[in-house]
Amino acid sequence: MSGRYHQAFLMKPSGNANDGISQPNPLVYLDGSQVVAAAMTTVPVFVANVDGYSIQFATIAGDTLVGTLTLQASNSRGSGQEQTENPDVTLYDWTTIELYDFSTGAFAANKAVASGAATYLIGVPSLYNCARWVRLVFAFTSGSGHPRVGFQQKGWA
């Protein structure tokens, strides 16, 4: 008999701001301890078997980080890494997809991040999730901050 499962974890910044894959550091998480003062792409997450997911991007008081969040997806099969759900450089053809902005209750191309303490919750409801991999891209405008970036997924076991 199968049942619902869920998993939550902190996302990781990439070792390369452009591809989200190159040299990810397995010990570094976006847990509020890392300073972000440039463009950033997260390490991709395998979502082919989940029904829905959300990403929470939060900044703390005193942060001056300003930029834009976008969500990218890829249906690349990679180099057999799907069994371990570990991305590698063979993932390609990233496409920006609309994200669901829970604060407005609508789909949008991106979400603006403003200076100061704030929490942004974005996601893709189950009806629209048909990608294999997703990653969060932060386009830097100015400032610096200590974001916490959490990922929540739900699906059938």
Protein backbone atom coordinates (compact mmCIF):
# COMPACT_ATOMS: atom_id res chain seq x y z
CA MET A 1 0.00 0.00 0.00
CA SER A 2 1.37 3.40 -0.89
CA GLY A 3 0.96 6.63 0.98
CA ARG A 4 1.87 10.28 0.97
CA TYR A 5 5.42 11.32 1.68
CA HIS A 6 7.05 14.66 2.17
CA GLN A 7 10.57 15.92 2.41
CA ALA A 8 12.00 19.26 3.42
CA PHE A 9 15.60 20.43 3.20
CA LEU A 10 17.74 23.51 2.75
CA MET A 11 18.93 24.21 -0.78
CA LYS A 12 22.61 24.54 -1.68
CA PRO A 13 24.29 27.31 -3.63
CA SER A 14 26.17 26.25 -6.72
CA GLY A 15 29.91 26.59 -7.08
CA ASN A 16 29.16 28.48 -10.28
CA ALA A 17 26.57 31.26 -10.38
CA ASN A 18 25.65 30.45 -13.97
CA ASP A 19 24.94 26.73 -14.14
CA GLY A 20 23.87 25.67 -10.67
CA ILE A 21 25.92 22.50 -10.93
CA SER A 22 29.67 23.07 -11.12
CA GLN A 23 31.45 22.08 -7.96
CA PRO A 24 28.56 22.24 -5.50
CA ASN A 25 29.93 22.13 -1.98
CA PRO A 26 28.09 19.36 -0.11
CA LEU A 27 28.72 21.05 3.24
CA VAL A 28 27.37 24.50 2.30
CA TYR A 29 23.66 25.19 2.65
CA LEU A 30 21.62 28.36 2.24
CA ASP A 31 20.82 28.31 5.95
CA GLY A 32 21.26 31.99 6.78
CA SER A 33 24.99 31.69 7.50
CA GLN A 34 26.19 32.28 3.92
CA VAL A 35 26.58 35.85 2.65
CA VAL A 36 25.08 36.39 -0.80
CA ALA A 37 26.25 39.53 -2.61
CA ALA A 38 26.13 38.40 -6.24
CA ALA A 39 24.03 36.38 -8.65
CA MET A 40 23.35 32.87 -7.42
CA THR A 41 21.92 29.65 -8.81
CA THR A 42 21.03 26.73 -6.55
CA VAL A 43 22.05 23.16 -7.11
CA PRO A 44 19.20 21.51 -9.08
CA VAL A 45 16.64 19.32 -7.31
CA PHE A 46 15.15 16.17 -8.89
CA VAL A 47 11.35 16.60 -8.91
CA ALA A 48 10.21 14.08 -11.55
CA ASN A 49 8.45 11.93 -8.97
CA VAL A 50 6.85 14.58 -6.78
CA ASP A 51 3.36 16.00 -7.00
CA GLY A 52 4.18 19.52 -5.88
CA TYR A 53 6.87 21.60 -4.26
CA SER A 54 7.55 25.01 -2.85
CA ILE A 55 10.64 27.08 -2.15
CA GLN A 56 10.88 29.59 0.68
CA PHE A 57 13.46 32.38 0.34
CA ALA A 58 13.81 34.41 3.55
CA THR A 59 16.07 37.30 4.50
CA ILE A 60 16.73 38.78 7.95
CA ALA A 61 16.58 42.28 9.41
CA GLY A 62 19.59 44.29 8.31
CA ASP A 63 19.95 42.49 4.98
CA THR A 64 20.17 44.81 2.00
CA LEU A 65 19.88 42.12 -0.66
CA VAL A 66 17.87 43.23 -3.69
CA GLY A 67 17.21 41.20 -6.82
CA THR A 68 14.82 38.87 -8.59
CA LEU A 69 13.99 35.19 -8.10
CA THR A 70 13.14 32.98 -11.04
CA LEU A 71 12.50 29.28 -11.28
CA GLN A 72 14.10 27.20 -14.02
CA ALA A 73 13.30 23.64 -15.08
CA SER A 74 14.92 21.02 -17.26
CA ASN A 75 13.76 17.69 -18.61
CA SER A 76 17.32 16.52 -19.28
CA ARG A 77 17.96 12.94 -18.31
CA GLY A 78 21.54 13.66 -17.22
CA SER A 79 24.11 10.92 -17.12
CA GLY A 80 22.27 8.34 -15.07
CA GLN A 81 22.33 10.45 -11.92
CA GLU A 82 18.57 10.24 -11.41
CA GLN A 83 18.92 7.08 -9.32
CA THR A 84 20.85 9.06 -6.72
CA GLU A 85 19.04 12.34 -7.48
CA ASN A 86 22.41 14.08 -7.83
CA PRO A 87 22.72 16.62 -10.64
CA ASP A 88 25.78 16.87 -12.84
CA VAL A 89 27.04 18.99 -15.72
CA THR A 90 25.14 16.93 -18.29
CA LEU A 91 21.89 18.70 -17.34
CA TYR A 92 21.09 21.27 -19.99
CA ASP A 93 18.31 23.23 -21.72
CA TRP A 94 17.19 25.16 -18.66
CA THR A 95 13.94 27.04 -19.22
CA THR A 96 12.46 29.74 -17.01
CA ILE A 97 9.00 28.64 -15.89
CA GLU A 98 6.24 30.55 -14.19
CA LEU A 99 6.17 30.23 -10.44
CA TYR A 100 3.20 30.40 -8.15
CA ASP A 101 3.51 33.37 -5.79
CA PHE A 102 1.62 32.44 -2.64
CA SER A 103 1.53 36.07 -1.45
CA THR A 104 -0.46 37.19 -4.50
CA GLY A 105 -2.22 33.91 -5.28
CA ALA A 106 -1.15 34.09 -8.91
CA PHE A 107 1.43 32.81 -11.34
CA ALA A 108 4.29 35.15 -12.24
CA ALA A 109 7.48 35.08 -14.31
CA ASN A 110 9.57 36.09 -11.29
CA LYS A 111 9.49 37.44 -7.75
CA ALA A 112 11.23 40.65 -6.65
CA VAL A 113 13.34 40.51 -3.46
CA ALA A 114 13.42 43.77 -1.48
CA SER A 115 15.89 44.94 1.14
CA GLY A 116 15.23 44.02 4.78
CA ALA A 117 13.60 41.10 6.56
CA ALA A 118 11.14 39.28 4.32
CA THR A 119 9.88 35.83 3.43
CA TYR A 120 8.96 34.79 -0.09
CA LEU A 121 7.14 31.52 -0.74
CA ILE A 122 6.96 30.29 -4.31
CA GLY A 123 6.00 26.96 -5.75
CA VAL A 124 4.60 24.81 -8.47
CA PRO A 125 1.27 23.10 -7.71
CA SER A 126 0.91 19.43 -8.64
CA LEU A 127 -1.19 20.17 -11.71
CA TYR A 128 1.74 22.02 -13.32
CA ASN A 129 4.69 19.94 -12.16
CA CYS A 130 5.95 17.86 -15.04
CA ALA A 131 9.66 18.76 -15.04
CA ARG A 132 12.53 16.45 -14.06
CA TRP A 133 14.83 19.03 -12.41
CA VAL A 134 14.32 22.52 -10.99
CA ARG A 135 16.63 25.20 -9.66
CA LEU A 136 16.20 28.66 -8.20
CA VAL A 137 18.02 31.57 -9.82
CA PHE A 138 18.68 34.83 -7.99
CA ALA A 139 19.49 37.76 -10.29
CA PHE A 140 21.48 40.19 -8.17
CA THR A 141 20.74 43.93 -8.23
CA SER A 142 22.46 45.28 -5.12
CA GLY A 143 23.31 44.81 -1.44
CA SER A 144 24.09 41.67 0.52
CA GLY A 145 22.22 39.27 2.72
CA HIS A 146 22.02 35.94 4.49
CA PRO A 147 19.14 34.09 2.82
CA ARG A 148 17.60 30.89 4.09
CA VAL A 149 16.32 28.86 1.16
CA GLY A 150 14.15 25.89 2.05
CA PHE A 151 12.65 23.31 -0.29
CA GLN A 152 9.48 21.34 0.50
CA GLN A 153 8.17 18.54 -1.71
CA LYS A 154 5.21 16.19 -1.50
CA GLY A 155 4.22 13.15 -3.47
CA TRP A 156 2.97 9.59 -3.47
CA ALA A 157 5.30 6.86 -2.29
